[in-house]
Amino acid sequence: MSDDNMHRGTGRRKASTARVILLPGNGVVTVNGRTIEDYFPIEIVRQEALKPLGEAQVSGSVDIKVNVHGGGVSGQAGAIRLGISRALLSYDSGLRPALKKRGFLTRDSRVVERKKYGLKKARKAPQFSKR
């Protein structure tokens, strides 16, 4: 496997990090050594992760290997989406306007707000009692 055919992208979302490798192939997507159908059984989550492929119209001509860790299902799908988008830019820089227009190149910086002392959660206060 030569490096000139391999395109990498890193995506992050919430607490998840995805390392994506794009290779010429026939559309096989593996996540942590498993098929994407096996890793994400929910169709909507799978579609969210693979949206950039549909936009770039390369879904049948490239294989994707993903290593993802941290966070939950939604965060991992978002991290994979950003990683695939960045790898596609390395694959073909002409895709940049289309991907940017759809917002696939923007890192979603929203993370869970920390819990503050005296409160039950980040903002939820204990019930107020007058007497």
Foldseek 3Di string as FASTA:
>chain_A
DDPVQWFWFWFFFAFKIKIKIKGFDFQFEEEPNHGPCVVDVDPVLSCLLCVVCVLVVCRGTIYMYMYMDDDDSNRRSLRSLLTVVRRVCVVPVVCVVSCVVVVSPDHPPDYAAAPDPQDPGNPHHPDDDPD
